Amino acid sequence: MADNLFEPLKFRNLTVKNRIFRSNISGRFDNYDGSGNQARINWEEKFARGGVGAIITSFVPVTIRGRIIPNYATIDSDARIPFWREVGKKVHEYDCKLIMQLSHSGRQQDVSGIENLNKKALSSTSQTESFHGLLCQSMTKTEIKETIAAFAAAARRARAAGLDGVELHSANGYLFTQFLSSGINDRQDEYGGSLENRARFLLEVIQAIRQEVGNDFHLQAKISAVEYNNAVIPWEKPGNTLEESIQVCKWVEAAGADAIHVSTGSIFPHPLNPIGDFPLEDAVRWYDLMLSSGIYTFRNYLLFRYRLLQPIFIFLWNRLKPKQRQHPITEEPIKDADLDPSFREFISTQDMQALLHQYQGISLSHAGEIKKQVNIPVICTGGFQQASYINRAIQEGLCDAVSIARPLVANNDLVKQFAAGKDVPASPCTYCNKCLLNTLENPLGCYDERRYSGDREIMVKEVLTVFQPAPFH
């Protein structure tokens, strides 16, 4: 059933032991100033120990100006190299690769922190971000060149730290997307207008990285294959189509990338990324952290907070979700015996099957179309947690590997469960997205109490394991 999952995947400059990558996901584990600490090492070790072939780190800012939120480790100076070397060493103990995701928030900066206070975020545009109302300013050409150089320097530092490669986060509404997207980029210079111009920034970064680190260091790019538009602004102009993204992927390959990582959506979070529920109760508890960040955050908070207004937000949020969708592959049915009895007490096998059918592989058909047009491996993200489904996706040539975030947060040992013959984990991720909202203020972990037999204390204890061990110096 899981034959393809455990075949090594060979890139031009890298070999990964299996076809499951931990996707970029993290909480506010690091120090406020962007230096790293033991909790980050513990966090990455969880997944390396659990059997994934490679870990793609969370959003790693190449400059403090491009940070999405404080307490994320950065790669903005050579002083960061020793810490990331320690992260890599720990992950490598488990024959797992570590790929650093090089990132810049652009206008999508959730919490500016004191360093960026009263500074408008840098973007391709001066148009206010439309979900939270985050303010920004269009980058000058000098700022664009400085940012390109920052990405190249960050790649050099990742290589100096002994890591196995880098990924450019050119998806999900961050800075690269803000240049790529026809729905966001309104520039009138050579970085705006035509698709070729909108792709120029990303391609120049790839070229600069290759000049800095050479051609023998792994480099991949994450891209939103289809951008759709903002969830709560129905009249907002949609962004790039699949056809446009395919062309961008061809250019990315020609510029020197070794792989494409396929996602979806023009912002983060987006109704299709991460796919699943929007936990209003958790939004009420934790979204208040962002009230001062944007000019629309109070509007959002009111929609979350008051019962009479909640249906408006849920309607707008869910309107992009497919009511029925044709899967690109046929799923294997799951059986009662596959699930833990305590799990079946709150979700039936039939209902779990329905969740998998609705949410698993949401970007897989897009990945398949991209894979037909490029000659480098394609990784696909999107709610995967069924071995037979992943196996078929690879077998039928829709992708070469999958990346997983929330189902691995729920089950750090998911790959080991697959290796032991499980088709789905005994207690699967329910796509509740409580992890997403909690991470604004709390350590990242699975916050679905139902998966802990309703015992909140057990849940909290598990979430806090990221802080153990905590060496005292």
Protein backbone atom coordinates (compact mmCIF):
# COMPACT_ATOMS: atom_id res chain seq x y z
CA MET A 1 0.00 0.00 0.00
CA ALA A 2 2.73 2.45 0.87
CA ASP A 3 5.48 1.35 -1.51
CA ASN A 4 6.00 4.71 -3.20
CA LEU A 5 6.04 6.59 0.10
CA PHE A 6 9.33 5.09 1.15
CA GLU A 7 11.24 5.33 -2.09
CA PRO A 8 14.07 7.88 -1.95
CA LEU A 9 13.46 11.07 -3.93
CA LYS A 10 16.45 12.32 -5.89
CA PHE A 11 16.73 15.97 -6.74
CA ARG A 12 19.66 17.41 -8.69
CA ASN A 13 21.63 18.19 -5.53
CA LEU A 14 19.79 16.30 -2.80
CA THR A 15 18.38 12.89 -1.99
CA VAL A 16 15.55 12.54 0.54
CA LYS A 17 14.90 9.14 2.11
CA ASN A 18 11.11 9.13 1.56
CA ARG A 19 8.35 11.15 -0.09
CA ILE A 20 6.93 12.93 2.96
CA PHE A 21 8.12 16.42 3.85
CA ARG A 22 7.14 18.35 6.96
CA SER A 23 5.71 21.53 5.50
CA ASN A 24 6.55 24.99 6.80
CA ILE A 25 4.76 25.47 10.10
CA SER A 26 5.86 26.87 13.41
CA GLY A 27 4.85 28.75 16.49
CA ARG A 28 6.42 31.68 18.30
CA PHE A 29 9.15 29.52 19.82
CA ASP A 30 12.19 31.71 19.33
CA ASN A 31 13.50 34.83 21.03
CA TYR A 32 11.88 38.18 20.33
CA ASP A 33 14.90 39.55 18.46
CA GLY A 34 15.01 36.68 15.98
CA SER A 35 17.71 34.64 17.69
CA GLY A 36 16.87 30.97 18.15
CA ASN A 37 16.56 28.80 21.22
CA GLN A 38 16.20 25.21 22.37
CA ALA A 39 12.44 25.11 21.81
CA ARG A 40 12.98 25.50 18.07
CA ILE A 41 15.46 22.62 18.08
CA ASN A 42 13.00 20.48 20.07
CA TRP A 43 10.20 21.38 17.65
CA GLU A 44 12.08 20.28 14.54
CA GLU A 45 13.36 17.16 16.29
CA LYS A 46 9.79 15.98 16.88
CA PHE A 47 9.23 15.51 13.15
CA ALA A 48 12.69 14.20 12.30
CA ARG A 49 12.24 11.57 15.02
CA GLY A 50 8.77 10.82 13.64
CA GLY A 51 10.20 9.71 10.30
CA VAL A 52 9.70 12.48 7.73
CA GLY A 53 12.24 12.55 4.94
CA ALA A 54 12.80 16.29 5.07
CA ILE A 55 11.70 19.29 7.09
CA ILE A 56 10.94 22.62 5.47
CA THR A 57 11.41 25.14 8.23
CA SER A 58 8.80 27.69 9.10
CA PHE A 59 8.90 31.19 7.64
CA VAL A 60 12.50 32.38 8.20
CA PRO A 61 12.80 36.14 7.59
CA VAL A 62 15.76 37.34 5.57
CA THR A 63 15.38 40.78 7.17
CA ILE A 64 13.65 42.03 10.32
CA ARG A 65 11.62 44.35 8.09
CA GLY A 66 10.21 41.24 6.43
CA ARG A 67 9.16 39.44 9.61
CA ILE A 68 5.51 38.39 9.94
CA ILE A 69 5.51 38.28 13.73
CA PRO A 70 8.10 38.40 16.54
CA ASN A 71 9.62 35.25 18.06
CA TYR A 72 10.47 33.62 14.74
CA ALA A 73 14.14 32.81 14.22
CA THR A 74 15.68 34.82 11.39
CA ILE A 75 18.61 34.45 9.02
CA ASP A 76 19.33 38.16 8.63
CA SER A 77 22.96 38.14 9.79
CA ASP A 78 25.98 35.85 10.05
CA ALA A 79 25.42 35.78 13.82
CA ARG A 80 22.46 33.46 13.15
CA ILE A 81 24.58 30.77 11.48
CA PRO A 82 25.71 28.89 14.64
CA PHE A 83 22.14 28.45 15.87
CA TRP A 84 20.87 27.08 12.58
CA ARG A 85 23.90 24.78 12.47
CA GLU A 86 22.70 23.26 15.76
CA VAL A 87 19.17 22.83 14.37
CA GLY A 88 20.59 21.05 11.33
CA LYS A 89 22.79 18.78 13.43
CA LYS A 90 19.84 17.62 15.51
CA VAL A 91 17.64 16.93 12.48
CA HIS A 92 20.46 15.09 10.71
CA GLU A 93 20.73 12.64 13.61
CA TYR A 94 17.56 11.04 12.25
CA ASP A 95 18.70 10.86 8.60
CA CYS A 96 16.33 13.73 7.89
CA LYS A 97 17.12 16.71 5.66
CA LEU A 98 16.54 20.33 6.67
CA ILE A 99 15.49 22.88 4.05
CA MET A 100 15.32 26.50 5.22
CA GLN A 101 12.37 28.50 3.95
CA LEU A 102 13.65 31.97 3.08
CA SER A 103 10.83 34.45 3.48
CA HIS A 104 9.70 38.06 3.50
CA SER A 105 6.29 39.17 4.69
CA GLY A 106 5.81 42.13 2.39
CA ARG A 107 2.56 43.76 3.44
CA GLN A 108 1.31 40.58 5.11
CA GLN A 109 2.88 41.45 8.47
CA ASP A 110 0.53 40.28 11.23
CA VAL A 111 2.35 41.82 14.21
CA SER A 112 5.07 44.34 13.43
CA GLY A 113 6.94 44.25 16.76
CA ILE A 114 8.87 47.16 18.19
CA GLU A 115 11.52 47.14 15.46
CA ASN A 116 8.92 47.78 12.74
CA LEU A 117 6.56 49.96 14.75
CA ASN A 118 5.28 52.95 12.73
CA LYS A 119 6.94 51.63 9.58
CA LYS A 120 4.73 50.70 6.69
CA ALA A 121 5.48 47.23 5.41
CA LEU A 122 7.27 46.93 2.07
CA SER A 123 5.35 45.54 -0.88
CA SER A 124 4.91 45.63 -4.63
CA THR A 125 2.03 48.03 -4.02
CA SER A 126 0.85 50.78 -1.71
CA GLN A 127 -2.68 49.34 -1.64
CA THR A 128 -3.79 48.27 1.85
CA GLU A 129 -4.01 44.52 2.41
CA SER A 130 -7.70 43.72 2.28
CA PHE A 131 -8.29 41.08 4.97
CA HIS A 132 -6.70 42.62 8.06
CA GLY A 133 -6.17 46.07 6.56
CA LEU A 134 -2.39 46.00 6.91
CA LEU A 135 -0.75 49.17 5.60
CA CYS A 136 2.16 49.06 3.17
CA GLN A 137 4.21 51.06 0.70
CA SER A 138 5.45 50.23 -2.77
CA MET A 139 9.12 49.28 -2.77
CA THR A 140 11.59 51.48 -4.58
CA LYS A 141 13.98 49.87 -7.02
CA THR A 142 16.76 50.38 -4.49
CA GLU A 143 14.73 48.50 -1.87
CA ILE A 144 14.05 45.72 -4.37
CA LYS A 145 17.78 45.35 -5.07
CA GLU A 146 18.56 45.37 -1.34
CA THR A 147 15.96 42.66 -0.75
CA ILE A 148 17.35 40.51 -3.57
CA ALA A 149 20.77 40.79 -1.96
CA ALA A 150 19.27 39.86 1.43
CA PHE A 151 17.85 36.63 -0.01
CA ALA A 152 21.18 35.72 -1.60
CA ALA A 153 23.04 36.38 1.65
CA ALA A 154 20.49 34.30 3.55
CA ALA A 155 21.04 31.35 1.20
CA ARG A 156 24.80 31.65 1.77
CA ARG A 157 24.23 31.53 5.53
CA ALA A 158 21.96 28.48 5.22
CA ARG A 159 24.68 26.68 3.30
CA ALA A 160 27.35 27.79 5.79
CA ALA A 161 25.17 26.33 8.56
CA GLY A 162 25.33 22.93 6.88
CA LEU A 163 21.65 22.83 5.93
CA ASP A 164 20.49 20.84 2.94
CA GLY A 165 18.82 23.50 0.85
CA VAL A 166 16.54 26.51 0.78
CA GLU A 167 12.99 27.20 -0.28
CA LEU A 168 11.68 30.57 -1.46
CA HIS A 169 8.27 31.25 0.05
CA SER A 170 6.70 32.62 -3.11
CA ALA A 171 3.17 31.53 -2.17
CA ASN A 172 0.26 32.36 0.13
CA GLY A 173 0.29 36.14 -0.16
CA TYR A 174 3.77 36.99 1.07
CA LEU A 175 6.17 39.34 -0.73
CA PHE A 176 6.90 37.21 -3.79
CA THR A 177 3.17 36.63 -4.30
CA GLN A 178 2.60 40.37 -4.01
CA PHE A 179 4.87 40.81 -7.03
CA LEU A 180 3.63 37.76 -8.96
CA SER A 181 -0.09 38.37 -8.49
CA SER A 182 -2.12 40.21 -11.10
CA GLY A 183 -4.62 40.89 -8.31
CA ILE A 184 -2.09 42.72 -6.11
CA ASN A 185 0.77 44.08 -8.21
CA ASP A 186 -0.18 47.49 -9.65
CA ARG A 187 3.33 48.71 -10.49
CA GLN A 188 4.02 50.62 -13.70
CA ASP A 189 7.74 49.80 -13.94
CA GLU A 190 9.62 46.69 -15.07
CA TYR A 191 8.42 44.82 -11.95
CA GLY A 192 4.73 45.22 -12.80
CA GLY A 193 2.27 44.81 -15.63
CA SER A 194 2.96 41.72 -17.75
CA LEU A 195 3.45 38.27 -16.19
CA GLU A 196 7.10 38.39 -17.23
CA ASN A 197 7.56 41.66 -15.36
CA ARG A 198 5.66 40.44 -12.29
CA ALA A 199 7.89 37.34 -12.16
CA ARG A 200 11.08 39.39 -12.49
CA PHE A 201 11.64 39.84 -8.73
CA LEU A 202 11.40 36.10 -8.00
CA LEU A 203 13.62 35.17 -10.94
CA GLU A 204 16.25 37.75 -10.00
CA VAL A 205 16.34 36.33 -6.47
CA ILE A 206 16.89 32.81 -7.83
CA GLN A 207 19.66 34.08 -10.10
CA ALA A 208 21.29 35.99 -7.23
CA ILE A 209 21.20 32.92 -5.00
CA ARG A 210 22.81 30.80 -7.70
CA GLN A 211 25.57 33.41 -8.09
CA GLU A 212 26.10 33.38 -4.32
CA VAL A 213 26.03 29.63 -3.56
CA GLY A 214 26.67 28.00 -6.92
CA ASN A 215 24.67 25.35 -8.72
CA ASP A 216 25.28 22.45 -6.32
CA PHE A 217 23.02 23.59 -3.44
CA HIS A 218 19.34 22.63 -3.37
CA LEU A 219 16.89 25.43 -4.16
CA GLN A 220 13.12 25.12 -4.48
CA ALA A 221 10.24 27.57 -4.78
CA LYS A 222 6.78 27.39 -3.22
CA ILE A 223 4.01 28.84 -5.37
CA SER A 224 0.26 29.36 -5.15
CA ALA A 225 -0.93 27.61 -8.30
CA VAL A 226 -4.26 29.45 -8.25
CA GLU A 227 -4.79 32.59 -6.19
CA TYR A 228 -8.60 33.07 -6.29
CA ASN A 229 -9.21 36.20 -4.20
CA ASN A 230 -9.79 37.46 -0.68
CA ALA A 231 -12.32 35.47 1.33
CA VAL A 232 -14.25 38.37 2.84
CA ILE A 233 -14.07 40.81 -0.08
CA PRO A 234 -16.10 39.13 -2.87
CA TRP A 235 -15.47 41.96 -5.34
CA GLU A 236 -11.68 41.87 -5.03
CA LYS A 237 -9.88 41.10 -8.26
CA PRO A 238 -8.64 37.50 -8.49
CA GLY A 239 -4.94 36.82 -8.92
CA ASN A 240 -2.98 34.46 -11.12
CA THR A 241 -4.56 31.56 -12.97
CA LEU A 242 -3.15 28.06 -13.20
CA GLU A 243 -1.93 28.77 -16.73
CA GLU A 244 0.01 31.81 -15.53
CA SER A 245 1.51 29.85 -12.64
CA ILE A 246 2.60 27.07 -14.98
CA GLN A 247 4.53 29.64 -17.01
CA VAL A 248 6.10 31.05 -13.84
CA CYS A 249 7.16 27.52 -12.85
CA LYS A 250 8.82 27.03 -16.24
CA TRP A 251 10.77 30.26 -15.76
CA VAL A 252 11.67 29.26 -12.19
CA GLU A 253 13.08 25.97 -13.47
CA ALA A 254 15.05 27.71 -16.19
CA ALA A 255 16.46 30.17 -13.65
CA GLY A 256 17.97 27.33 -11.63
CA ALA A 257 15.39 25.92 -9.20
CA ASP A 258 15.54 22.20 -8.34
CA ALA A 259 11.88 21.68 -7.35
CA ILE A 260 8.44 23.30 -7.21
CA HIS A 261 6.30 23.20 -4.05
CA VAL A 262 2.60 23.67 -4.93
CA SER A 263 0.10 25.43 -2.69
CA THR A 264 -2.92 27.68 -3.28
CA GLY A 265 -4.51 30.95 -2.20
CA SER A 266 -3.64 34.65 -2.33
CA ILE A 267 -3.46 35.31 1.43
CA PHE A 268 -2.71 33.37 4.59
CA PRO A 269 -4.89 32.13 6.13
CA HIS A 270 -7.12 31.44 3.15
CA PRO A 271 -10.30 29.31 2.97
CA LEU A 272 -8.36 26.80 0.86
CA ASN A 273 -5.08 27.07 2.76
CA PRO A 274 -5.18 25.63 5.29
CA ILE A 275 -8.35 23.89 4.23
CA GLY A 276 -10.83 23.09 7.00
CA ASP A 277 -12.90 24.85 9.63
CA PHE A 278 -12.54 28.42 10.85
CA PRO A 279 -12.64 28.11 14.68
CA LEU A 280 -14.57 31.20 15.73
CA GLU A 281 -14.26 30.47 19.45
CA ASP A 282 -10.48 30.50 19.19
CA ALA A 283 -10.56 33.57 16.97
CA VAL A 284 -12.45 35.46 19.68
CA ARG A 285 -9.86 34.41 22.27
CA TRP A 286 -6.68 35.15 20.34
CA TYR A 287 -7.35 37.47 17.38
CA ASP A 288 -7.42 40.50 19.68
CA LEU A 289 -3.60 40.42 19.53
CA MET A 290 -3.93 41.85 16.02
CA LEU A 291 -6.44 44.62 16.76
CA SER A 292 -3.80 47.34 16.43
CA SER A 293 -2.13 45.79 13.38
CA GLY A 294 -4.55 46.76 10.64
CA ILE A 295 -7.44 49.06 9.86
CA TYR A 296 -9.90 46.17 9.28
CA THR A 297 -8.98 43.99 12.26
CA PHE A 298 -11.71 45.46 14.48
CA ARG A 299 -14.28 44.71 11.77
CA ASN A 300 -13.07 41.12 11.70
CA TYR A 301 -13.12 40.86 15.47
CA LEU A 302 -16.75 42.02 15.59
CA LEU A 303 -17.67 39.37 13.01
CA PHE A 304 -15.91 36.74 15.13
CA ARG A 305 -17.22 38.00 18.48
CA TYR A 306 -20.97 38.45 18.09
CA ARG A 307 -23.23 35.50 17.44
CA LEU A 308 -25.57 37.47 15.17
CA LEU A 309 -22.65 38.51 12.94
CA GLN A 310 -20.83 35.19 12.85
CA PRO A 311 -22.93 33.72 10.02
CA ILE A 312 -21.86 36.61 7.78
CA PHE A 313 -18.18 35.78 8.22
CA ILE A 314 -18.72 32.02 7.91
CA PHE A 315 -20.69 32.53 4.69
CA LEU A 316 -17.95 34.69 3.20
CA TRP A 317 -15.19 32.37 4.40
CA ASN A 318 -16.82 29.22 3.07
CA ARG A 319 -17.96 30.54 -0.30
CA LEU A 320 -14.70 29.50 -2.00
CA LYS A 321 -14.71 26.00 -0.59
CA PRO A 322 -15.82 23.31 -3.01
CA LYS A 323 -19.20 21.86 -2.03
CA GLN A 324 -18.40 18.83 -4.11
CA ARG A 325 -15.17 18.22 -5.92
CA GLN A 326 -13.94 15.62 -8.31
CA HIS A 327 -10.86 14.04 -6.85
CA PRO A 328 -7.99 13.48 -9.27
CA ILE A 329 -7.57 9.98 -7.79
CA THR A 330 -9.84 7.43 -6.14
CA GLU A 331 -9.49 7.23 -2.39
CA GLU A 332 -9.29 4.01 -0.43
CA PRO A 333 -12.11 3.74 2.14
CA ILE A 334 -11.08 3.76 5.76
CA LYS A 335 -12.45 1.19 8.20
CA ASP A 336 -13.59 1.34 11.81
CA ALA A 337 -10.57 -0.71 12.80
CA ASP A 338 -8.25 2.00 11.44
CA LEU A 339 -9.38 4.52 14.06
CA ASP A 340 -8.90 4.56 17.81
CA PRO A 341 -12.18 3.79 19.66
CA SER A 342 -11.95 7.05 21.63
CA PHE A 343 -11.62 8.95 18.35
CA ARG A 344 -14.73 7.29 16.95
CA GLU A 345 -16.69 8.52 19.95
CA PHE A 346 -16.76 12.05 18.51
CA ILE A 347 -16.27 11.47 14.78
CA SER A 348 -17.58 8.42 13.01
CA THR A 349 -15.53 6.56 10.44
CA GLN A 350 -17.96 7.72 7.79
CA ASP A 351 -17.61 11.38 8.80
CA MET A 352 -13.81 11.11 8.86
CA GLN A 353 -13.94 9.62 5.38
CA ALA A 354 -16.02 12.61 4.28
CA LEU A 355 -13.46 15.04 5.75
CA LEU A 356 -10.65 13.29 3.89
CA HIS A 357 -12.64 13.39 0.66
CA GLN A 358 -13.37 17.10 1.02
CA TYR A 359 -10.00 18.36 2.22
CA GLN A 360 -7.22 15.94 1.35
CA GLY A 361 -5.20 16.83 -1.72
CA ILE A 362 -6.90 20.17 -2.32
CA SER A 363 -4.07 21.31 -4.65
CA LEU A 364 -3.28 17.94 -6.18
CA SER A 365 -4.92 18.49 -9.57
CA HIS A 366 -2.98 21.78 -9.92
CA ALA A 367 0.25 20.01 -8.98
CA GLY A 368 -0.45 17.40 -11.64
CA GLU A 369 -0.85 20.05 -14.33
CA ILE A 370 2.37 21.77 -13.27
CA LYS A 371 4.25 18.46 -13.20
CA LYS A 372 3.31 17.84 -16.85
CA GLN A 373 5.06 21.06 -17.83
CA VAL A 374 8.31 20.99 -15.82
CA ASN A 375 11.22 18.59 -15.61
CA ILE A 376 12.01 19.03 -11.92
CA PRO A 377 10.27 17.27 -9.02
CA VAL A 378 6.97 18.66 -7.75
CA ILE A 379 5.98 18.61 -4.08
CA CYS A 380 2.30 19.14 -3.21
CA THR A 381 0.79 20.34 0.06
CA GLY A 382 -2.84 20.12 1.14
CA GLY A 383 -4.15 18.15 4.11
CA PHE A 384 -2.63 14.74 3.32
CA GLN A 385 -2.88 12.04 5.98
CA GLN A 386 -3.81 8.80 4.21
CA ALA A 387 -1.01 6.53 3.02
CA SER A 388 -2.93 4.92 0.16
CA TYR A 389 -4.02 8.30 -1.15
CA ILE A 390 -0.48 9.71 -1.11
CA ASN A 391 0.81 6.54 -2.69
CA ARG A 392 -1.69 6.79 -5.56
CA ALA A 393 -0.91 10.47 -6.09
CA ILE A 394 2.77 9.65 -6.57
CA GLN A 395 2.09 6.49 -8.55
CA GLU A 396 -0.18 8.33 -10.99
CA GLY A 397 2.36 11.09 -11.55
CA LEU A 398 0.45 13.95 -9.94
CA CYS A 399 3.40 14.82 -7.71
CA ASP A 400 6.74 13.39 -6.59
CA ALA A 401 6.25 14.02 -2.86
CA VAL A 402 3.80 15.59 -0.46
CA SER A 403 4.32 18.11 2.30
CA ILE A 404 2.25 17.92 5.48
CA ALA A 405 1.75 20.41 8.30
CA ARG A 406 -1.34 20.08 10.54
CA PRO A 407 -1.71 16.26 10.33
CA LEU A 408 1.92 16.02 11.47
CA VAL A 409 1.28 18.48 14.29
CA ALA A 410 -1.54 16.18 15.38
CA ASN A 411 0.58 13.04 14.89
CA ASN A 412 4.31 13.74 14.91
CA ASP A 413 4.90 10.03 14.21
CA LEU A 414 2.54 9.87 11.22
CA VAL A 415 5.26 8.48 8.92
CA LYS A 416 6.09 5.75 11.42
CA GLN A 417 2.41 4.85 11.61
CA PHE A 418 2.38 4.53 7.82
CA ALA A 419 5.50 2.37 7.95
CA ALA A 420 3.78 0.11 10.48
CA GLY A 421 0.95 -0.49 7.99
CA LYS A 422 -1.62 2.09 9.07
CA ASP A 423 -3.49 3.72 6.20
CA VAL A 424 -4.67 6.60 8.40
CA PRO A 425 -3.43 7.49 11.87
CA ALA A 426 -5.39 6.08 14.79
CA SER A 427 -6.41 9.60 15.81
CA PRO A 428 -6.34 11.75 12.66
CA CYS A 429 -6.19 15.51 12.34
CA THR A 430 -9.77 16.81 12.15
CA TYR A 431 -8.91 19.95 10.12
CA CYS A 432 -10.37 22.09 12.92
CA ASN A 433 -7.61 24.74 12.50
CA LYS A 434 -7.49 25.55 16.21
CA CYS A 435 -3.71 25.22 15.94
CA LEU A 436 -3.70 28.10 13.45
CA LEU A 437 -5.57 30.59 15.68
CA ASN A 438 -3.82 29.57 18.90
CA THR A 439 -0.39 30.19 17.47
CA LEU A 440 -0.94 33.96 17.58
CA GLU A 441 -0.37 33.83 21.35
CA ASN A 442 0.24 30.23 22.37
CA PRO A 443 2.79 27.50 21.58
CA LEU A 444 1.91 25.66 18.39
CA GLY A 445 0.36 22.26 18.89
CA CYS A 446 -2.89 20.36 18.42
CA TYR A 447 -5.67 22.12 20.36
CA ASP A 448 -8.54 19.77 19.48
CA GLU A 449 -9.41 18.52 22.96
CA ARG A 450 -11.55 15.74 21.47
CA ARG A 451 -8.37 14.02 20.31
CA TYR A 452 -7.27 13.83 23.97
CA SER A 453 -10.55 12.22 25.16
CA GLY A 454 -11.72 15.68 26.20
CA ASP A 455 -8.95 16.03 28.77
CA ARG A 456 -7.61 19.57 28.46
CA GLU A 457 -4.76 18.93 30.91
CA ILE A 458 -3.39 16.13 28.74
CA MET A 459 -3.69 18.39 25.70
CA VAL A 460 -1.79 21.22 27.38
CA LYS A 461 0.91 18.84 28.58
CA GLU A 462 1.41 17.59 25.04
CA VAL A 463 1.54 21.10 23.59
CA LEU A 464 4.19 22.11 26.12
CA THR A 465 6.50 19.19 25.28
CA VAL A 466 8.20 21.51 22.78
CA PHE A 467 9.93 23.12 25.77
CA GLN A 468 11.50 19.83 26.91
CA PRO A 469 14.37 19.37 27.21
CA ALA A 470 15.16 22.89 28.32
CA PRO A 471 18.88 22.91 29.12
CA PHE A 472 20.00 25.33 31.80
CA HIS A 473 23.30 27.10 31.17
